[in-house]
């Protein structure tokens, strides 16, 4: 249960940081949390493809932020056509 709470908090923080870095503003706590969680998965997937991984909480956070930025970039391209 504690790991789930930590994952959600780090995901929300990563989503917020990714949103701020990408667009200059957060999207709201719920959307930032979802962006951070999906971004963490996307970042882990992409980093795994190139043979890199995160072995610490800080590394996982960095991967989640990068994944969040990647997710926001993909969404901006898809939604703006």
PDB file of N, CA and C in Angstrom:
ATOM      1  N   UNK A   1       0.822  -1.191   0.000  1.00  0.00           N
ATOM      2  CA  UNK A   1       0.000   0.000   0.000  1.00  0.00           C
ATOM      3  C   UNK A   1       0.866   1.254   0.000  1.00  0.00           C
ATOM      4  N   UNK A   2       1.950   1.225   0.774  1.00  0.00           N
ATOM      5  CA  UNK A   2       2.855   2.372   0.832  1.00  0.00           C
ATOM      6  C   UNK A   2       3.501   2.631  -0.521  1.00  0.00           C
ATOM      7  N   UNK A   3       3.895   1.558  -1.229  1.00  0.00           N
ATOM      8  CA  UNK A   3       4.505   1.710  -2.550  1.00  0.00           C
ATOM      9  C   UNK A   3       3.533   2.339  -3.539  1.00  0.00           C
ATOM     10  N   UNK A   4       2.258   1.999  -3.446  1.00  0.00           N
ATOM     11  CA  UNK A   4       1.250   2.583  -4.318  1.00  0.00           C
ATOM     12  C   UNK A   4       1.125   4.078  -4.058  1.00  0.00           C
ATOM     13  N   UNK A   5       1.125   4.465  -2.801  1.00  0.00           N
ATOM     14  CA  UNK A   5       1.029   5.884  -2.455  1.00  0.00           C
ATOM     15  C   UNK A   5       2.249   6.640  -2.962  1.00  0.00           C
ATOM     16  N   UNK A   6       3.426   6.076  -2.767  1.00  0.00           N
ATOM     17  CA  UNK A   6       4.658   6.705  -3.256  1.00  0.00           C
ATOM     18  C   UNK A   6       4.626   6.822  -4.771  1.00  0.00           C
ATOM     19  N   UNK A   7       4.166   5.786  -5.469  1.00  0.00           N
ATOM     20  CA  UNK A   7       4.071   5.805  -6.925  1.00  0.00           C
ATOM     21  C   UNK A   7       3.126   6.905  -7.387  1.00  0.00           C
ATOM     22  N   UNK A   8       1.980   7.039  -6.738  1.00  0.00           N
ATOM     23  CA  UNK A   8       1.023   8.068  -7.113  1.00  0.00           C
ATOM     24  C   UNK A   8       1.561   9.473  -6.855  1.00  0.00           C
ATOM     25  N   UNK A   9       2.220   9.651  -5.724  1.00  0.00           N
ATOM     26  CA  UNK A   9       2.779  10.971  -5.399  1.00  0.00           C
ATOM     27  C   UNK A   9       3.899  11.322  -6.374  1.00  0.00           C
ATOM     28  N   UNK A  10       4.817  10.390  -6.620  1.00  0.00           N
ATOM     29  CA  UNK A  10       5.897  10.651  -7.575  1.00  0.00           C
ATOM     30  C   UNK A  10       5.348  10.832  -8.981  1.00  0.00           C
ATOM     31  N   UNK A  11       4.308  10.064  -9.341  1.00  0.00           N
ATOM     32  CA  UNK A  11       3.673  10.222 -10.649  1.00  0.00           C
ATOM     33  C   UNK A  11       3.045  11.595 -10.800  1.00  0.00           C
ATOM     34  N   UNK A  12       2.333  12.039  -9.767  1.00  0.00           N
ATOM     35  CA  UNK A  12       1.718  13.371  -9.819  1.00  0.00           C
ATOM     36  C   UNK A  12       2.780  14.452  -9.928  1.00  0.00           C
ATOM     37  N   UNK A  13       3.848  14.305  -9.159  1.00  0.00           N
ATOM     38  CA  UNK A  13       4.932  15.285  -9.204  1.00  0.00           C
ATOM     39  C   UNK A  13       5.628  15.271 -10.564  1.00  0.00           C
ATOM     40  N   UNK A  14       5.886  14.081 -11.100  1.00  0.00           N
ATOM     41  CA  UNK A  14       6.519  13.964 -12.415  1.00  0.00           C
ATOM     42  C   UNK A  14       5.620  14.542 -13.497  1.00  0.00           C
ATOM     43  N   UNK A  15       4.327  14.299 -13.411  1.00  0.00           N
ATOM     44  CA  UNK A  15       3.390  14.862 -14.380  1.00  0.00           C
ATOM     45  C   UNK A  15       3.341  16.376 -14.303  1.00  0.00           C
ATOM     46  N   UNK A  16       3.366  16.914 -13.087  1.00  0.00           N
ATOM     47  CA  UNK A  16       3.362  18.364 -12.914  1.00  0.00           C
ATOM     48  C   UNK A  16       4.637  18.981 -13.487  1.00  0.00           C
ATOM     49  N   UNK A  17       5.778  18.388 -13.150  1.00  0.00           N
ATOM     50  CA  UNK A  17       7.054  18.906 -13.659  1.00  0.00           C
ATOM     51  C   UNK A  17       7.093  18.801 -15.181  1.00  0.00           C
ATOM     52  N   UNK A  18       6.650  17.659 -15.722  1.00  0.00           N
ATOM     53  CA  UNK A  18       6.613  17.494 -17.177  1.00  0.00           C
ATOM     54  C   UNK A  18       5.709  18.518 -17.834  1.00  0.00           C
ATOM     55  N   UNK A  19       4.543  18.774 -17.246  1.00  0.00           N
ATOM     56  CA  UNK A  19       3.617  19.772 -17.787  1.00  0.00           C
ATOM     57  C   UNK A  19       4.222  21.166 -17.744  1.00  0.00           C
ATOM     58  N   UNK A  20       4.881  21.493 -16.623  1.00  0.00           N
ATOM     59  CA  UNK A  20       5.506  22.812 -16.497  1.00  0.00           C
ATOM     60  C   UNK A  20       6.638  22.980 -17.512  1.00  0.00           C
ATOM     61  N   UNK A  21       7.442  21.935 -17.696  1.00  0.00           N
ATOM     62  CA  UNK A  21       8.545  22.025 -18.649  1.00  0.00           C
ATOM     63  C   UNK A  21       8.047  22.069 -20.090  1.00  0.00           C
ATOM     64  N   UNK A  22       6.968  21.366 -20.381  1.00  0.00           N
ATOM     65  CA  UNK A  22       6.471  21.296 -21.751  1.00  0.00           C
ATOM     66  C   UNK A  22       5.660  22.526 -22.123  1.00  0.00           C
ATOM     67  N   UNK A  23       4.723  22.924 -21.275  1.00  0.00           N
ATOM     68  CA  UNK A  23       3.822  24.007 -21.659  1.00  0.00           C
ATOM     69  C   UNK A  23       3.868  25.217 -20.733  1.00  0.00           C
ATOM     70  N   UNK A  24       4.600  25.132 -19.654  1.00  0.00           N
ATOM     71  CA  UNK A  24       4.693  26.261 -18.739  1.00  0.00           C
ATOM     72  C   UNK A  24       3.616  26.295 -17.673  1.00  0.00           C
ATOM     73  N   UNK A  25       2.692  25.331 -17.686  1.00  0.00           N
ATOM     74  CA  UNK A  25       1.616  25.313 -16.698  1.00  0.00           C
ATOM     75  C   UNK A  25       1.203  23.875 -16.415  1.00  0.00           C
ATOM     76  N   UNK A  26       0.767  23.633 -15.205  1.00  0.00           N
ATOM     77  CA  UNK A  26       0.231  22.323 -14.858  1.00  0.00           C
ATOM     78  C   UNK A  26      -1.165  22.158 -15.445  1.00  0.00           C
ATOM     79  N   UNK A  27      -1.640  20.939 -15.484  1.00  0.00           N
ATOM     80  CA  UNK A  27      -2.956  20.644 -16.052  1.00  0.00           C
ATOM     81  C   UNK A  27      -4.004  20.358 -14.988  1.00  0.00           C
ATOM     82  N   UNK A  28      -3.662  20.478 -13.727  1.00  0.00           N
ATOM     83  CA  UNK A  28      -4.551  20.099 -12.641  1.00  0.00           C
ATOM     84  C   UNK A  28      -4.048  18.817 -12.005  1.00  0.00           C
ATOM     85  N   UNK A  29      -4.356  18.617 -10.742  1.00  0.00           N
ATOM     86  CA  UNK A  29      -3.766  17.507  -9.993  1.00  0.00           C
ATOM     87  C   UNK A  29      -4.124  16.138 -10.565  1.00  0.00           C
ATOM     88  N   UNK A  30      -5.368  15.934 -10.961  1.00  0.00           N
ATOM     89  CA  UNK A  30      -5.769  14.633 -11.488  1.00  0.00           C
ATOM     90  C   UNK A  30      -5.122  14.353 -12.833  1.00  0.00           C
ATOM     91  N   UNK A  31      -5.156  15.318 -13.732  1.00  0.00           N
ATOM     92  CA  UNK A  31      -4.550  15.134 -15.061  1.00  0.00           C
ATOM     93  C   UNK A  31      -3.038  14.994 -14.927  1.00  0.00           C
ATOM     94  N   UNK A  32      -2.408  15.806 -14.085  1.00  0.00           N
ATOM     95  CA  UNK A  32      -0.961  15.688 -13.872  1.00  0.00           C
ATOM     96  C   UNK A  32      -0.596  14.313 -13.337  1.00  0.00           C
ATOM     97  N   UNK A  33      -1.408  13.793 -12.428  1.00  0.00           N
ATOM     98  CA  UNK A  33      -1.155  12.462 -11.879  1.00  0.00           C
ATOM     99  C   UNK A  33      -1.246  11.407 -12.979  1.00  0.00           C
ATOM    100  N   UNK A  34      -2.273  11.484 -13.791  1.00  0.00           N
ATOM    101  CA  UNK A  34      -2.419  10.523 -14.889  1.00  0.00           C
ATOM    102  C   UNK A  34      -1.286  10.649 -15.901  1.00  0.00           C
ATOM    103  N   UNK A  35      -0.920  11.882 -16.234  1.00  0.00           N
ATOM    104  CA  UNK A  35       0.186  12.108 -17.162  1.00  0.00           C
ATOM    105  C   UNK A  35       1.478  11.544 -16.587  1.00  0.00           C
ATOM    106  N   UNK A  36       1.712  11.747 -15.300  1.00  0.00           N
ATOM    107  CA  UNK A  36       2.927  11.229 -14.665  1.00  0.00           C
ATOM    108  C   UNK A  36       2.974   9.720 -14.616  1.00  0.00           C
ATOM    109  N   UNK A  37       1.841   9.073 -14.335  1.00  0.00           N
ATOM    110  CA  UNK A  37       1.818   7.615 -14.262  1.00  0.00           C
ATOM    111  C   UNK A  37       2.006   7.004 -15.650  1.00  0.00           C
ATOM    112  N   UNK A  38       1.255   7.508 -16.625  1.00  0.00           N
ATOM    113  CA  UNK A  38       1.405   6.998 -17.995  1.00  0.00           C
ATOM    114  C   UNK A  38       2.778   7.375 -18.539  1.00  0.00           C
ATOM    115  N   UNK A  39       3.240   8.582 -18.216  1.00  0.00           N
ATOM    116  CA  UNK A  39       4.570   9.010 -18.642  1.00  0.00           C
ATOM    117  C   UNK A  39       5.670   8.156 -18.031  1.00  0.00           C
ATOM    118  N   UNK A  40       5.481   7.732 -16.795  1.00  0.00           N
ATOM    119  CA  UNK A  40       6.453   6.827 -16.163  1.00  0.00           C
ATOM    120  C   UNK A  40       6.518   5.493 -16.891  1.00  0.00           C
ATOM    121  N   UNK A  41       5.363   4.970 -17.262  1.00  0.00           N
ATOM    122  CA  UNK A  41       5.341   3.717 -18.020  1.00  0.00           C
ATOM    123  C   UNK A  41       5.981   3.911 -19.395  1.00  0.00           C
ATOM    124  N   UNK A  42       5.611   5.000 -20.085  1.00  0.00           N
ATOM    125  CA  UNK A  42       6.154   5.274 -21.413  1.00  0.00           C
ATOM    126  C   UNK A  42       7.661   5.489 -21.344  1.00  0.00           C
ATOM    127  N   UNK A  43       8.105   6.256 -20.367  1.00  0.00           N
ATOM    128  CA  UNK A  43       9.541   6.486 -20.208  1.00  0.00           C
ATOM    129  C   UNK A  43      10.297   5.203 -19.920  1.00  0.00           C
ATOM    130  N   UNK A  44       9.751   4.344 -19.057  1.00  0.00           N
ATOM    131  CA  UNK A  44      10.392   3.054 -18.760  1.00  0.00           C
ATOM    132  C   UNK A  44      10.459   2.185 -20.006  1.00  0.00           C
ATOM    133  N   UNK A  45       9.381   2.203 -20.790  1.00  0.00           N
ATOM    134  CA  UNK A  45       9.342   1.415 -22.020  1.00  0.00           C
ATOM    135  C   UNK A  45      10.399   1.898 -23.015  1.00  0.00           C
ATOM    136  N   UNK A  46      10.449   3.213 -23.247  1.00  0.00           N
ATOM    137  CA  UNK A  46      11.390   3.778 -24.215  1.00  0.00           C
ATOM    138  C   UNK A  46      12.833   3.589 -23.737  1.00  0.00           C
ATOM    139  N   UNK A  47      13.087   3.852 -22.466  1.00  0.00           N
ATOM    140  CA  UNK A  47      14.445   3.678 -21.945  1.00  0.00           C
ATOM    141  C   UNK A  47      14.847   2.208 -21.984  1.00  0.00           C
ATOM    142  N   UNK A  48      13.887   1.298 -21.752  1.00  0.00           N
ATOM    143  CA  UNK A  48      14.164  -0.130 -21.847  1.00  0.00           C
ATOM    144  C   UNK A  48      14.526  -0.544 -23.256  1.00  0.00           C
ATOM    145  N   UNK A  49      13.905   0.080 -24.252  1.00  0.00           N
ATOM    146  CA  UNK A  49      14.207  -0.232 -25.654  1.00  0.00           C
ATOM    147  C   UNK A  49      15.647   0.108 -26.016  1.00  0.00           C
ATOM    148  N   UNK A  50      16.180   1.155 -25.410  1.00  0.00           N
ATOM    149  CA  UNK A  50      17.553   1.547 -25.718  1.00  0.00           C
ATOM    150  C   UNK A  50      18.552   1.002 -24.696  1.00  0.00           C
ATOM    151  N   UNK A  51      18.064   0.142 -23.807  1.00  0.00           N
ATOM    152  CA  UNK A  51      18.951  -0.541 -22.876  1.00  0.00           C
ATOM    153  C   UNK A  51      19.277   0.213 -21.612  1.00  0.00           C
ATOM    154  N   UNK A  52      18.497   1.216 -21.276  1.00  0.00           N
ATOM    155  CA  UNK A  52      18.733   1.974 -20.054  1.00  0.00           C
ATOM    156  C   UNK A  52      17.595   1.719 -19.083  1.00  0.00           C
ATOM    157  N   UNK A  53      17.852   1.930 -17.830  1.00  0.00           N
ATOM    158  CA  UNK A  53      16.818   1.752 -16.815  1.00  0.00           C
ATOM    159  C   UNK A  53      17.132   2.576 -15.589  1.00  0.00           C
ATOM    160  N   UNK A  54      16.150   2.718 -14.734  1.00  0.00           N
ATOM    161  CA  UNK A  54      16.316   3.478 -13.501  1.00  0.00           C
ATOM    162  C   UNK A  54      16.365   2.497 -12.335  1.00  0.00           C
ATOM    163  N   UNK A  55      17.380   2.633 -11.497  1.00  0.00           N
ATOM    164  CA  UNK A  55      17.513   1.723 -10.368  1.00  0.00           C
ATOM    165  C   UNK A  55      17.259   2.402  -9.027  1.00  0.00           C
ATOM    166  N   UNK A  56      16.914   3.676  -9.058  1.00  0.00           N
ATOM    167  CA  UNK A  56      16.630   4.400  -7.818  1.00  0.00           C
ATOM    168  C   UNK A  56      15.357   5.217  -7.989  1.00  0.00           C
ATOM    169  N   UNK A  57      14.876   5.764  -6.902  1.00  0.00           N
ATOM    170  CA  UNK A  57      13.670   6.597  -6.952  1.00  0.00           C
ATOM    171  C   UNK A  57      13.922   7.864  -7.760  1.00  0.00           C
ATOM    172  N   UNK A  58      15.108   8.426  -7.617  1.00  0.00           N
ATOM    173  CA  UNK A  58      15.435   9.640  -8.373  1.00  0.00           C
ATOM    174  C   UNK A  58      15.517   9.322  -9.862  1.00  0.00           C
ATOM    175  N   UNK A  59      16.135   8.213 -10.204  1.00  0.00           N
ATOM    176  CA  UNK A  59      16.196   7.793 -11.602  1.00  0.00           C
ATOM    177  C   UNK A  59      14.818   7.518 -12.165  1.00  0.00           C
ATOM    178  N   UNK A  60      13.974   6.881 -11.379  1.00  0.00           N
ATOM    179  CA  UNK A  60      12.600   6.619 -11.798  1.00  0.00           C
ATOM    180  C   UNK A  60      11.825   7.902 -12.004  1.00  0.00           C
ATOM    181  N   UNK A  61      12.067   8.873 -11.141  1.00  0.00           N
ATOM    182  CA  UNK A  61      11.411  10.170 -11.279  1.00  0.00           C
ATOM    183  C   UNK A  61      11.849  10.865 -12.560  1.00  0.00           C
ATOM    184  N   UNK A  62      13.145  10.846 -12.846  1.00  0.00           N
ATOM    185  CA  UNK A  62      13.668  11.468 -14.074  1.00  0.00           C
ATOM    186  C   UNK A  62      13.077  10.784 -15.308  1.00  0.00           C
ATOM    187  N   UNK A  63      13.026   9.458 -15.292  1.00  0.00           N
ATOM    188  CA  UNK A  63      12.437   8.710 -16.404  1.00  0.00           C
ATOM    189  C   UNK A  63      10.967   9.069 -16.558  1.00  0.00           C
ATOM    190  N   UNK A  64      10.243   9.201 -15.451  1.00  0.00           N
ATOM    191  CA  UNK A  64       8.823   9.559 -15.500  1.00  0.00           C
ATOM    192  C   UNK A  64       8.627  10.972 -16.044  1.00  0.00           C
ATOM    193  N   UNK A  65       9.490  11.905 -15.668  1.00  0.00           N
ATOM    194  CA  UNK A  65       9.391  13.276 -16.183  1.00  0.00           C
ATOM    195  C   UNK A  65       9.650  13.283 -17.689  1.00  0.00           C
ATOM    196  N   UNK A  66      10.677  12.581 -18.131  1.00  0.00           N
ATOM    197  CA  UNK A  66      10.981  12.513 -19.565  1.00  0.00           C
ATOM    198  C   UNK A  66       9.835  11.830 -20.309  1.00  0.00           C
ATOM    199  N   UNK A  67       9.304  10.759 -19.732  1.00  0.00           N
ATOM    200  CA  UNK A  67       8.158  10.086 -20.344  1.00  0.00           C
ATOM    201  C   UNK A  67       6.938  10.983 -20.388  1.00  0.00           C
ATOM    202  N   UNK A  68       6.724  11.788 -19.355  1.00  0.00           N
ATOM    203  CA  UNK A  68       5.597  12.734 -19.326  1.00  0.00           C
ATOM    204  C   UNK A  68       5.731  13.776 -20.425  1.00  0.00           C
ATOM    205  N   UNK A  69       6.930  14.290 -20.591  1.00  0.00           N
ATOM    206  CA  UNK A  69       7.173  15.269 -21.657  1.00  0.00           C
ATOM    207  C   UNK A  69       6.937  14.625 -23.019  1.00  0.00           C
ATOM    208  N   UNK A  70       7.416  13.407 -23.196  1.00  0.00           N
ATOM    209  CA  UNK A  70       7.193  12.680 -24.448  1.00  0.00           C
ATOM    210  C   UNK A  70       5.704  12.461 -24.689  1.00  0.00           C
ATOM    211  N   UNK A  71       4.980  12.063 -23.659  1.00  0.00           N
ATOM    212  CA  UNK A  71       3.537  11.857 -23.773  1.00  0.00           C
ATOM    213  C   UNK A  71       2.823  13.159 -24.133  1.00  0.00           C
ATOM    214  N   UNK A  72       3.177  14.260 -23.482  1.00  0.00           N
ATOM    215  CA  UNK A  72       2.557  15.550 -23.790  1.00  0.00           C
ATOM    216  C   UNK A  72       2.868  15.990 -25.213  1.00  0.00           C
ATOM    217  N   UNK A  73       4.064  15.720 -25.683  1.00  0.00           N
ATOM    218  CA  UNK A  73       4.434  16.062 -27.053  1.00  0.00           C
ATOM    219  C   UNK A  73       3.608  15.244 -28.048  1.00  0.00           C
ATOM    220  N   UNK A  74       3.481  13.944 -27.800  1.00  0.00           N
ATOM    221  CA  UNK A  74       2.670  13.079 -28.670  1.00  0.00           C
ATOM    222  C   UNK A  74       1.217  13.552 -28.675  1.00  0.00           C
ATOM    223  N   UNK A  75       0.670  13.843 -27.499  1.00  0.00           N
ATOM    224  CA  UNK A  75      -0.711  14.320 -27.414  1.00  0.00           C
ATOM    225  C   UNK A  75      -0.891  15.656 -28.141  1.00  0.00           C
ATOM    226  N   UNK A  76       0.084  16.528 -28.051  1.00  0.00           N
ATOM    227  CA  UNK A  76      -0.036  17.821 -28.745  1.00  0.00           C
ATOM    228  C   UNK A  76      -0.055  17.624 -30.254  1.00  0.00           C
ATOM    229  N   UNK A  77       0.719  16.672 -30.749  1.00  0.00           N
ATOM    230  CA  UNK A  77       0.749  16.405 -32.199  1.00  0.00           C
ATOM    231  C   UNK A  77      -0.547  15.728 -32.652  1.00  0.00           C
ATOM    232  N   UNK A  78      -1.067  14.812 -31.855  1.00  0.00           N
ATOM    233  CA  UNK A  78      -2.286  14.089 -32.219  1.00  0.00           C
ATOM    234  C   UNK A  78      -3.513  15.002 -32.129  1.00  0.00           C
ATOM    235  N   UNK A  79      -3.604  15.797 -31.071  1.00  0.00           N
ATOM    236  CA  UNK A  79      -4.791  16.624 -30.855  1.00  0.00           C
ATOM    237  C   UNK A  79      -4.825  17.879 -31.699  1.00  0.00           C
ATOM    238  N   UNK A  80      -3.672  18.398 -32.111  1.00  0.00           N
ATOM    239  CA  UNK A  80      -3.631  19.605 -32.936  1.00  0.00           C
ATOM    240  C   UNK A  80      -3.626  19.305 -34.425  1.00  0.00           C
ATOM    241  N   UNK A  81      -3.361  18.085 -34.780  1.00  0.00           N
ATOM    242  CA  UNK A  81      -3.343  17.610 -36.174  1.00  0.00           C
ATOM    243  C   UNK A  81      -2.576  18.567 -37.021  1.00  0.00           C
TER     244      UNK A  81
END
